């Protein structure tokens, strides 16, 4: 379930976010718009990377079970969601 976005899509999203910020009268820009867009791109890439790490951890937990669990089965899906959510919750506790 690794999340992948092409460079093109990430750039498109960064432009949408930047345009949205430009439309907000409460936002004031202190840097060049392209510099800001590049920071947005980096943030998106870091977020994707983080969720991919969480995905791998959840899959590793399933694969470490004594009983072999077939990927795509109902049991696999339930365990994946459980372990994925556990990793997300751990991350939230680290941030707090």
PDB file of N, CA and C in Angstrom:
ATOM      1  N   UNK A   1       0.817  -1.200   0.000  1.00  0.00           N
ATOM      2  CA  UNK A   1       0.000   0.000   0.000  1.00  0.00           C
ATOM      3  C   UNK A   1       0.858   1.262   0.000  1.00  0.00           C
ATOM      4  N   UNK A   2       2.063   1.137  -0.447  1.00  0.00           N
ATOM      5  CA  UNK A   2       2.966   2.280  -0.466  1.00  0.00           C
ATOM      6  C   UNK A   2       2.355   3.424  -1.264  1.00  0.00           C
ATOM      7  N   UNK A   3       2.404   4.591  -0.668  1.00  0.00           N
ATOM      8  CA  UNK A   3       1.868   5.785  -1.301  1.00  0.00           C
ATOM      9  C   UNK A   3       2.917   6.380  -2.220  1.00  0.00           C
ATOM     10  N   UNK A   4       2.530   6.611  -3.468  1.00  0.00           N
ATOM     11  CA  UNK A   4       3.446   7.200  -4.435  1.00  0.00           C
ATOM     12  C   UNK A   4       2.718   8.287  -5.202  1.00  0.00           C
ATOM     13  N   UNK A   5       3.384   9.394  -5.348  1.00  0.00           N
ATOM     14  CA  UNK A   5       2.889  10.471  -6.190  1.00  0.00           C
ATOM     15  C   UNK A   5       4.026  10.865  -7.121  1.00  0.00           C
ATOM     16  N   UNK A   6       3.700  11.081  -8.361  1.00  0.00           N
ATOM     17  CA  UNK A   6       4.726  11.512  -9.301  1.00  0.00           C
ATOM     18  C   UNK A   6       5.185  12.918  -8.936  1.00  0.00           C
ATOM     19  N   UNK A   7       6.344  13.276  -9.409  1.00  0.00           N
ATOM     20  CA  UNK A   7       6.878  14.623  -9.185  1.00  0.00           C
ATOM     21  C   UNK A   7       5.902  15.658  -9.733  1.00  0.00           C
ATOM     22  N   UNK A   8       5.308  15.316 -10.867  1.00  0.00           N
ATOM     23  CA  UNK A   8       4.334  16.203 -11.509  1.00  0.00           C
ATOM     24  C   UNK A   8       3.129  16.464 -10.598  1.00  0.00           C
ATOM     25  N   UNK A   9       2.622  15.406  -9.980  1.00  0.00           N
ATOM     26  CA  UNK A   9       1.464  15.554  -9.096  1.00  0.00           C
ATOM     27  C   UNK A   9       1.810  16.342  -7.838  1.00  0.00           C
ATOM     28  N   UNK A  10       3.005  16.093  -7.312  1.00  0.00           N
ATOM     29  CA  UNK A  10       3.431  16.833  -6.124  1.00  0.00           C
ATOM     30  C   UNK A  10       3.562  18.318  -6.461  1.00  0.00           C
ATOM     31  N   UNK A  11       4.139  18.616  -7.600  1.00  0.00           N
ATOM     32  CA  UNK A  11       4.258  20.018  -8.026  1.00  0.00           C
ATOM     33  C   UNK A  11       2.887  20.656  -8.226  1.00  0.00           C
ATOM     34  N   UNK A  12       1.973  19.893  -8.801  1.00  0.00           N
ATOM     35  CA  UNK A  12       0.607  20.393  -9.009  1.00  0.00           C
ATOM     36  C   UNK A  12      -0.049  20.718  -7.664  1.00  0.00           C
ATOM     37  N   UNK A  13       0.077  19.788  -6.711  1.00  0.00           N
ATOM     38  CA  UNK A  13      -0.492  20.011  -5.382  1.00  0.00           C
ATOM     39  C   UNK A  13       0.142  21.223  -4.700  1.00  0.00           C
ATOM     40  N   UNK A  14       1.437  21.363  -4.849  1.00  0.00           N
ATOM     41  CA  UNK A  14       2.114  22.497  -4.214  1.00  0.00           C
ATOM     42  C   UNK A  14       1.624  23.821  -4.797  1.00  0.00           C
ATOM     43  N   UNK A  15       1.362  23.847  -6.097  1.00  0.00           N
ATOM     44  CA  UNK A  15       0.831  25.070  -6.712  1.00  0.00           C
ATOM     45  C   UNK A  15      -0.589  25.364  -6.222  1.00  0.00           C
ATOM     46  N   UNK A  16      -1.399  24.317  -6.066  1.00  0.00           N
ATOM     47  CA  UNK A  16      -2.762  24.509  -5.542  1.00  0.00           C
ATOM     48  C   UNK A  16      -2.719  25.087  -4.126  1.00  0.00           C
ATOM     49  N   UNK A  17      -1.846  24.542  -3.305  1.00  0.00           N
ATOM     50  CA  UNK A  17      -1.718  25.031  -1.928  1.00  0.00           C
ATOM     51  C   UNK A  17      -1.239  26.475  -1.922  1.00  0.00           C
ATOM     52  N   UNK A  18      -0.231  26.751  -2.722  1.00  0.00           N
ATOM     53  CA  UNK A  18       0.305  28.110  -2.785  1.00  0.00           C
ATOM     54  C   UNK A  18      -0.755  29.096  -3.274  1.00  0.00           C
ATOM     55  N   UNK A  19      -1.498  28.714  -4.317  1.00  0.00           N
ATOM     56  CA  UNK A  19      -2.573  29.582  -4.829  1.00  0.00           C
ATOM     57  C   UNK A  19      -3.621  29.847  -3.755  1.00  0.00           C
ATOM     58  N   UNK A  20      -3.937  28.814  -2.995  1.00  0.00           N
ATOM     59  CA  UNK A  20      -4.911  28.965  -1.918  1.00  0.00           C
ATOM     60  C   UNK A  20      -4.401  29.946  -0.855  1.00  0.00           C
ATOM     61  N   UNK A  21      -3.126  29.851  -0.554  1.00  0.00           N
ATOM     62  CA  UNK A  21      -2.543  30.772   0.423  1.00  0.00           C
ATOM     63  C   UNK A  21      -2.542  32.207  -0.103  1.00  0.00           C
ATOM     64  N   UNK A  22      -2.267  32.366  -1.377  1.00  0.00           N
ATOM     65  CA  UNK A  22      -2.281  33.703  -1.985  1.00  0.00           C
ATOM     66  C   UNK A  22      -3.659  34.346  -1.900  1.00  0.00           C
ATOM     67  N   UNK A  23      -4.696  33.532  -1.982  1.00  0.00           N
ATOM     68  CA  UNK A  23      -6.064  34.044  -1.936  1.00  0.00           C
ATOM     69  C   UNK A  23      -6.493  34.441  -0.530  1.00  0.00           C
ATOM     70  N   UNK A  24      -5.761  33.990   0.463  1.00  0.00           N
ATOM     71  CA  UNK A  24      -6.101  34.275   1.854  1.00  0.00           C
ATOM     72  C   UNK A  24      -5.495  35.621   2.266  1.00  0.00           C
ATOM     73  N   UNK A  25      -6.343  36.566   2.590  1.00  0.00           N
ATOM     74  CA  UNK A  25      -5.885  37.904   2.971  1.00  0.00           C
ATOM     75  C   UNK A  25      -5.120  37.916   4.293  1.00  0.00           C
ATOM     76  N   UNK A  26      -5.257  36.867   5.075  1.00  0.00           N
ATOM     77  CA  UNK A  26      -4.597  36.819   6.376  1.00  0.00           C
ATOM     78  C   UNK A  26      -3.167  36.276   6.288  1.00  0.00           C
ATOM     79  N   UNK A  27      -2.771  35.856   5.098  1.00  0.00           N
ATOM     80  CA  UNK A  27      -1.428  35.302   4.913  1.00  0.00           C
ATOM     81  C   UNK A  27      -0.547  36.344   4.242  1.00  0.00           C
ATOM     82  N   UNK A  28       0.607  36.573   4.853  1.00  0.00           N
ATOM     83  CA  UNK A  28       1.573  37.512   4.295  1.00  0.00           C
ATOM     84  C   UNK A  28       2.843  36.739   3.947  1.00  0.00           C
ATOM     85  N   UNK A  29       3.353  36.951   2.756  1.00  0.00           N
ATOM     86  CA  UNK A  29       4.540  36.236   2.299  1.00  0.00           C
ATOM     87  C   UNK A  29       5.784  37.081   2.496  1.00  0.00           C
ATOM     88  N   UNK A  30       6.795  36.463   3.104  1.00  0.00           N
ATOM     89  CA  UNK A  30       8.054  37.154   3.339  1.00  0.00           C
ATOM     90  C   UNK A  30       9.156  36.649   2.405  1.00  0.00           C
ATOM     91  N   UNK A  31       8.882  35.548   1.713  1.00  0.00           N
ATOM     92  CA  UNK A  31       9.843  34.968   0.776  1.00  0.00           C
ATOM     93  C   UNK A  31       9.241  34.907  -0.616  1.00  0.00           C
ATOM     94  N   UNK A  32      10.103  34.639  -1.568  1.00  0.00           N
ATOM     95  CA  UNK A  32       9.696  34.454  -2.952  1.00  0.00           C
ATOM     96  C   UNK A  32       8.706  33.287  -3.047  1.00  0.00           C
ATOM     97  N   UNK A  33       7.705  33.429  -3.899  1.00  0.00           N
ATOM     98  CA  UNK A  33       6.672  32.397  -4.012  1.00  0.00           C
ATOM     99  C   UNK A  33       7.245  31.043  -4.425  1.00  0.00           C
ATOM    100  N   UNK A  34       8.271  31.030  -5.269  1.00  0.00           N
ATOM    101  CA  UNK A  34       8.852  29.745  -5.669  1.00  0.00           C
ATOM    102  C   UNK A  34       9.566  29.080  -4.490  1.00  0.00           C
ATOM    103  N   UNK A  35      10.201  29.869  -3.640  1.00  0.00           N
ATOM    104  CA  UNK A  35      10.846  29.313  -2.443  1.00  0.00           C
ATOM    105  C   UNK A  35       9.798  28.680  -1.530  1.00  0.00           C
ATOM    106  N   UNK A  36       8.684  29.333  -1.394  1.00  0.00           N
ATOM    107  CA  UNK A  36       7.595  28.811  -0.566  1.00  0.00           C
ATOM    108  C   UNK A  36       7.050  27.524  -1.171  1.00  0.00           C
ATOM    109  N   UNK A  37       6.873  27.522  -2.488  1.00  0.00           N
ATOM    110  CA  UNK A  37       6.380  26.328  -3.177  1.00  0.00           C
ATOM    111  C   UNK A  37       7.336  25.157  -2.961  1.00  0.00           C
ATOM    112  N   UNK A  38       8.646  25.413  -3.003  1.00  0.00           N
ATOM    113  CA  UNK A  38       9.626  24.351  -2.787  1.00  0.00           C
ATOM    114  C   UNK A  38       9.552  23.787  -1.368  1.00  0.00           C
ATOM    115  N   UNK A  39       9.257  24.639  -0.402  1.00  0.00           N
ATOM    116  CA  UNK A  39       9.069  24.173   0.979  1.00  0.00           C
ATOM    117  C   UNK A  39       7.822  23.289   1.058  1.00  0.00           C
ATOM    118  N   UNK A  40       6.783  23.676   0.345  1.00  0.00           N
ATOM    119  CA  UNK A  40       5.553  22.870   0.307  1.00  0.00           C
ATOM    120  C   UNK A  40       5.846  21.513  -0.320  1.00  0.00           C
ATOM    121  N   UNK A  41       6.594  21.498  -1.414  1.00  0.00           N
ATOM    122  CA  UNK A  41       6.968  20.241  -2.087  1.00  0.00           C
ATOM    123  C   UNK A  41       7.723  19.342  -1.110  1.00  0.00           C
ATOM    124  N   UNK A  42       8.702  19.916  -0.417  1.00  0.00           N
ATOM    125  CA  UNK A  42       9.487  19.136   0.541  1.00  0.00           C
ATOM    126  C   UNK A  42       8.596  18.577   1.649  1.00  0.00           C
ATOM    127  N   UNK A  43       7.652  19.352   2.120  1.00  0.00           N
ATOM    128  CA  UNK A  43       6.738  18.899   3.174  1.00  0.00           C
ATOM    129  C   UNK A  43       5.875  17.742   2.694  1.00  0.00           C
ATOM    130  N   UNK A  44       5.377  17.834   1.482  1.00  0.00           N
ATOM    131  CA  UNK A  44       4.569  16.744   0.912  1.00  0.00           C
ATOM    132  C   UNK A  44       5.415  15.480   0.798  1.00  0.00           C
ATOM    133  N   UNK A  45       6.628  15.618   0.286  1.00  0.00           N
ATOM    134  CA  UNK A  45       7.506  14.451   0.136  1.00  0.00           C
ATOM    135  C   UNK A  45       7.843  13.821   1.479  1.00  0.00           C
ATOM    136  N   UNK A  46       8.079  14.633   2.499  1.00  0.00           N
ATOM    137  CA  UNK A  46       8.377  14.105   3.836  1.00  0.00           C
ATOM    138  C   UNK A  46       7.172  13.377   4.424  1.00  0.00           C
ATOM    139  N   UNK A  47       5.993  13.929   4.191  1.00  0.00           N
ATOM    140  CA  UNK A  47       4.774  13.305   4.697  1.00  0.00           C
ATOM    141  C   UNK A  47       4.540  11.948   4.022  1.00  0.00           C
ATOM    142  N   UNK A  48       4.737  11.896   2.724  1.00  0.00           N
ATOM    143  CA  UNK A  48       4.592  10.635   1.990  1.00  0.00           C
ATOM    144  C   UNK A  48       5.599   9.614   2.507  1.00  0.00           C
ATOM    145  N   UNK A  49       6.821  10.049   2.710  1.00  0.00           N
ATOM    146  CA  UNK A  49       7.868   9.159   3.217  1.00  0.00           C
ATOM    147  C   UNK A  49       7.500   8.608   4.589  1.00  0.00           C
ATOM    148  N   UNK A  50       6.980   9.453   5.450  1.00  0.00           N
ATOM    149  CA  UNK A  50       6.573   9.033   6.783  1.00  0.00           C
ATOM    150  C   UNK A  50       5.482   7.965   6.717  1.00  0.00           C
ATOM    151  N   UNK A  51       4.471   8.193   5.897  1.00  0.00           N
ATOM    152  CA  UNK A  51       3.385   7.220   5.790  1.00  0.00           C
ATOM    153  C   UNK A  51       3.853   5.915   5.149  1.00  0.00           C
ATOM    154  N   UNK A  52       4.844   5.979   4.289  1.00  0.00           N
ATOM    155  CA  UNK A  52       5.405   4.754   3.711  1.00  0.00           C
ATOM    156  C   UNK A  52       6.165   3.948   4.762  1.00  0.00           C
ATOM    157  N   UNK A  53       6.848   4.626   5.674  1.00  0.00           N
ATOM    158  CA  UNK A  53       7.537   3.943   6.774  1.00  0.00           C
ATOM    159  C   UNK A  53       6.505   3.255   7.671  1.00  0.00           C
ATOM    160  N   UNK A  54       5.432   3.939   7.971  1.00  0.00           N
ATOM    161  CA  UNK A  54       4.371   3.367   8.803  1.00  0.00           C
ATOM    162  C   UNK A  54       3.754   2.159   8.113  1.00  0.00           C
ATOM    163  N   UNK A  55       3.535   2.269   6.807  1.00  0.00           N
ATOM    164  CA  UNK A  55       3.001   1.164   6.009  1.00  0.00           C
ATOM    165  C   UNK A  55       3.914  -0.061   6.124  1.00  0.00           C
ATOM    166  N   UNK A  56       5.211   0.145   5.969  1.00  0.00           N
ATOM    167  CA  UNK A  56       6.166  -0.970   6.046  1.00  0.00           C
ATOM    168  C   UNK A  56       6.166  -1.604   7.424  1.00  0.00           C
ATOM    169  N   UNK A  57       6.081  -0.799   8.474  1.00  0.00           N
ATOM    170  CA  UNK A  57       6.052  -1.341   9.835  1.00  0.00           C
ATOM    171  C   UNK A  57       4.814  -2.206  10.049  1.00  0.00           C
ATOM    172  N   UNK A  58       3.669  -1.743   9.562  1.00  0.00           N
ATOM    173  CA  UNK A  58       2.435  -2.517   9.711  1.00  0.00           C
ATOM    174  C   UNK A  58       2.548  -3.854   8.981  1.00  0.00           C
ATOM    175  N   UNK A  59       3.096  -3.818   7.784  1.00  0.00           N
ATOM    176  CA  UNK A  59       3.260  -5.055   7.005  1.00  0.00           C
ATOM    177  C   UNK A  59       4.249  -5.994   7.687  1.00  0.00           C
ATOM    178  N   UNK A  60       5.334  -5.449   8.222  1.00  0.00           N
ATOM    179  CA  UNK A  60       6.316  -6.282   8.929  1.00  0.00           C
ATOM    180  C   UNK A  60       5.684  -6.971  10.140  1.00  0.00           C
ATOM    181  N   UNK A  61       4.812  -6.276  10.844  1.00  0.00           N
ATOM    182  CA  UNK A  61       4.140  -6.879  11.999  1.00  0.00           C
ATOM    183  C   UNK A  61       3.258  -8.040  11.561  1.00  0.00           C
ATOM    184  N   UNK A  62       2.571  -7.864  10.442  1.00  0.00           N
ATOM    185  CA  UNK A  62       1.723  -8.955   9.934  1.00  0.00           C
ATOM    186  C   UNK A  62       2.591 -10.140   9.534  1.00  0.00           C
ATOM    187  N   UNK A  63       3.694  -9.874   8.866  1.00  0.00           N
ATOM    188  CA  UNK A  63       4.569 -10.949   8.393  1.00  0.00           C
ATOM    189  C   UNK A  63       5.282 -11.653   9.540  1.00  0.00           C
ATOM    190  N   UNK A  64       5.386 -11.011  10.697  1.00  0.00           N
ATOM    191  CA  UNK A  64       6.069 -11.621  11.836  1.00  0.00           C
ATOM    192  C   UNK A  64       5.155 -12.552  12.635  1.00  0.00           C
ATOM    193  N   UNK A  65       3.891 -12.632  12.257  1.00  0.00           N
ATOM    194  CA  UNK A  65       2.957 -13.518  12.951  1.00  0.00           C
ATOM    195  C   UNK A  65       3.395 -14.976  12.772  1.00  0.00           C
ATOM    196  N   UNK A  66       3.165 -15.783  13.784  1.00  0.00           N
ATOM    197  CA  UNK A  66       3.505 -17.211  13.689  1.00  0.00           C
ATOM    198  C   UNK A  66       2.707 -17.867  12.571  1.00  0.00           C
ATOM    199  N   UNK A  67       1.456 -17.500  12.494  1.00  0.00           N
ATOM    200  CA  UNK A  67       0.563 -18.044  11.472  1.00  0.00           C
ATOM    201  C   UNK A  67       0.714 -17.205  10.202  1.00  0.00           C
ATOM    202  N   UNK A  68       0.854 -17.870   9.080  1.00  0.00           N
ATOM    203  CA  UNK A  68       0.963 -17.168   7.810  1.00  0.00           C
ATOM    204  C   UNK A  68      -0.407 -16.578   7.443  1.00  0.00           C
ATOM    205  N   UNK A  69      -0.399 -15.288   7.123  1.00  0.00           N
ATOM    206  CA  UNK A  69      -1.644 -14.595   6.794  1.00  0.00           C
ATOM    207  C   UNK A  69      -1.537 -14.105   5.355  1.00  0.00           C
ATOM    208  N   UNK A  70      -2.472 -14.546   4.555  1.00  0.00           N
ATOM    209  CA  UNK A  70      -2.431 -14.211   3.130  1.00  0.00           C
ATOM    210  C   UNK A  70      -2.774 -12.735   2.906  1.00  0.00           C
ATOM    211  N   UNK A  71      -1.876 -12.046   2.196  1.00  0.00           N
ATOM    212  CA  UNK A  71      -2.115 -10.642   1.890  1.00  0.00           C
ATOM    213  C   UNK A  71      -3.386 -10.507   1.054  1.00  0.00           C
ATOM    214  N   UNK A  72      -4.205  -9.536   1.421  1.00  0.00           N
ATOM    215  CA  UNK A  72      -5.463  -9.301   0.725  1.00  0.00           C
ATOM    216  C   UNK A  72      -6.647  -9.989   1.384  1.00  0.00           C
ATOM    217  N   UNK A  73      -6.357 -10.934   2.297  1.00  0.00           N
ATOM    218  CA  UNK A  73      -7.456 -11.617   2.994  1.00  0.00           C
ATOM    219  C   UNK A  73      -8.083 -10.652   3.988  1.00  0.00           C
ATOM    220  N   UNK A  74      -9.269 -10.985   4.444  1.00  0.00           N
ATOM    221  CA  UNK A  74      -9.963 -10.143   5.417  1.00  0.00           C
ATOM    222  C   UNK A  74      -9.132  -9.987   6.687  1.00  0.00           C
ATOM    223  N   UNK A  75      -8.552 -11.100   7.148  1.00  0.00           N
ATOM    224  CA  UNK A  75      -7.726 -11.055   8.359  1.00  0.00           C
ATOM    225  C   UNK A  75      -6.521 -10.128   8.155  1.00  0.00           C
ATOM    226  N   UNK A  76      -5.884 -10.214   6.988  1.00  0.00           N
ATOM    227  CA  UNK A  76      -4.732  -9.363   6.689  1.00  0.00           C
ATOM    228  C   UNK A  76      -5.148  -7.893   6.723  1.00  0.00           C
ATOM    229  N   UNK A  77      -6.267  -7.583   6.100  1.00  0.00           N
ATOM    230  CA  UNK A  77      -6.755  -6.198   6.048  1.00  0.00           C
ATOM    231  C   UNK A  77      -7.059  -5.660   7.444  1.00  0.00           C
ATOM    232  N   UNK A  78      -7.668  -6.486   8.275  1.00  0.00           N
ATOM    233  CA  UNK A  78      -7.999  -6.068   9.646  1.00  0.00           C
ATOM    234  C   UNK A  78      -6.721  -5.804  10.440  1.00  0.00           C
ATOM    235  N   UNK A  79      -5.768  -6.733  10.349  1.00  0.00           N
ATOM    236  CA  UNK A  79      -4.506  -6.555  11.062  1.00  0.00           C
ATOM    237  C   UNK A  79      -3.736  -5.348  10.538  1.00  0.00           C
ATOM    238  N   UNK A  80      -3.753  -5.165   9.229  1.00  0.00           N
ATOM    239  CA  UNK A  80      -3.050  -4.028   8.645  1.00  0.00           C
ATOM    240  C   UNK A  80      -3.598  -2.722   9.218  1.00  0.00           C
ATOM    241  N   UNK A  81      -4.923  -2.583   9.194  1.00  0.00           N
ATOM    242  CA  UNK A  81      -5.530  -1.353   9.739  1.00  0.00           C
ATOM    243  C   UNK A  81      -5.174  -1.166  11.213  1.00  0.00           C
ATOM    244  N   UNK A  82      -5.228  -2.267  11.959  1.00  0.00           N
ATOM    245  CA  UNK A  82      -4.917  -2.203  13.390  1.00  0.00           C
ATOM    246  C   UNK A  82      -3.471  -1.742  13.610  1.00  0.00           C
ATOM    247  N   UNK A  83      -2.531  -2.396  12.957  1.00  0.00           N
ATOM    248  CA  UNK A  83      -1.123  -2.059  13.147  1.00  0.00           C
ATOM    249  C   UNK A  83      -0.780  -0.682  12.587  1.00  0.00           C
ATOM    250  N   UNK A  84      -1.387  -0.336  11.473  1.00  0.00           N
ATOM    251  CA  UNK A  84      -1.162   0.987  10.874  1.00  0.00           C
ATOM    252  C   UNK A  84      -1.623   2.075  11.839  1.00  0.00           C
ATOM    253  N   UNK A  85      -2.826   1.893  12.386  1.00  0.00           N
ATOM    254  CA  UNK A  85      -3.362   2.878  13.341  1.00  0.00           C
ATOM    255  C   UNK A  85      -2.525   2.943  14.614  1.00  0.00           C
ATOM    256  N   UNK A  86      -2.000   1.803  15.061  1.00  0.00           N
ATOM    257  CA  UNK A  86      -1.124   1.798  16.233  1.00  0.00           C
ATOM    258  C   UNK A  86       0.127   2.639  15.976  1.00  0.00           C
ATOM    259  N   UNK A  87       0.705   2.483  14.791  1.00  0.00           N
ATOM    260  CA  UNK A  87       1.907   3.254  14.441  1.00  0.00           C
ATOM    261  C   UNK A  87       1.592   4.745  14.350  1.00  0.00           C
ATOM    262  N   UNK A  88       0.432   5.081  13.817  1.00  0.00           N
ATOM    263  CA  UNK A  88       0.013   6.483  13.745  1.00  0.00           C
ATOM    264  C   UNK A  88      -0.149   7.048  15.155  1.00  0.00           C
ATOM    265  N   UNK A  89      -0.763   6.252  16.045  1.00  0.00           N
ATOM    266  CA  UNK A  89      -0.958   6.711  17.426  1.00  0.00           C
ATOM    267  C   UNK A  89       0.385   6.895  18.133  1.00  0.00           C
ATOM    268  N   UNK A  90       1.341   5.985  17.902  1.00  0.00           N
ATOM    269  CA  UNK A  90       2.675   6.140  18.491  1.00  0.00           C
ATOM    270  C   UNK A  90       3.303   7.446  18.015  1.00  0.00           C
ATOM    271  N   UNK A  91       3.149   7.735  16.767  1.00  0.00           N
ATOM    272  CA  UNK A  91       3.694   8.958  16.191  1.00  0.00           C
ATOM    273  C   UNK A  91       3.072  10.177  16.858  1.00  0.00           C
ATOM    274  N   UNK A  92       1.766  10.139  17.070  1.00  0.00           N
ATOM    275  CA  UNK A  92       1.076  11.240  17.739  1.00  0.00           C
ATOM    276  C   UNK A  92       1.592  11.454  19.143  1.00  0.00           C
ATOM    277  N   UNK A  93       1.896  10.385  19.854  1.00  0.00           N
ATOM    278  CA  UNK A  93       2.419  10.505  21.211  1.00  0.00           C
ATOM    279  C   UNK A  93       3.832  11.077  21.197  1.00  0.00           C
ATOM    280  N   UNK A  94       4.601  10.773  20.165  1.00  0.00           N
ATOM    281  CA  UNK A  94       5.947  11.316  20.068  1.00  0.00           C
ATOM    282  C   UNK A  94       5.917  12.815  19.813  1.00  0.00           C
ATOM    283  N   UNK A  95       4.914  13.259  19.081  1.00  0.00           N
ATOM    284  CA  UNK A  95       4.803  14.671  18.723  1.00  0.00           C
ATOM    285  C   UNK A  95       4.341  15.496  19.909  1.00  0.00           C
ATOM    286  N   UNK A  96       3.483  14.940  20.751  1.00  0.00           N
ATOM    287  CA  UNK A  96       2.922  15.671  21.895  1.00  0.00           C
ATOM    288  C   UNK A  96       3.928  16.069  22.874  1.00  0.00           C
TER     289      UNK A  96
END
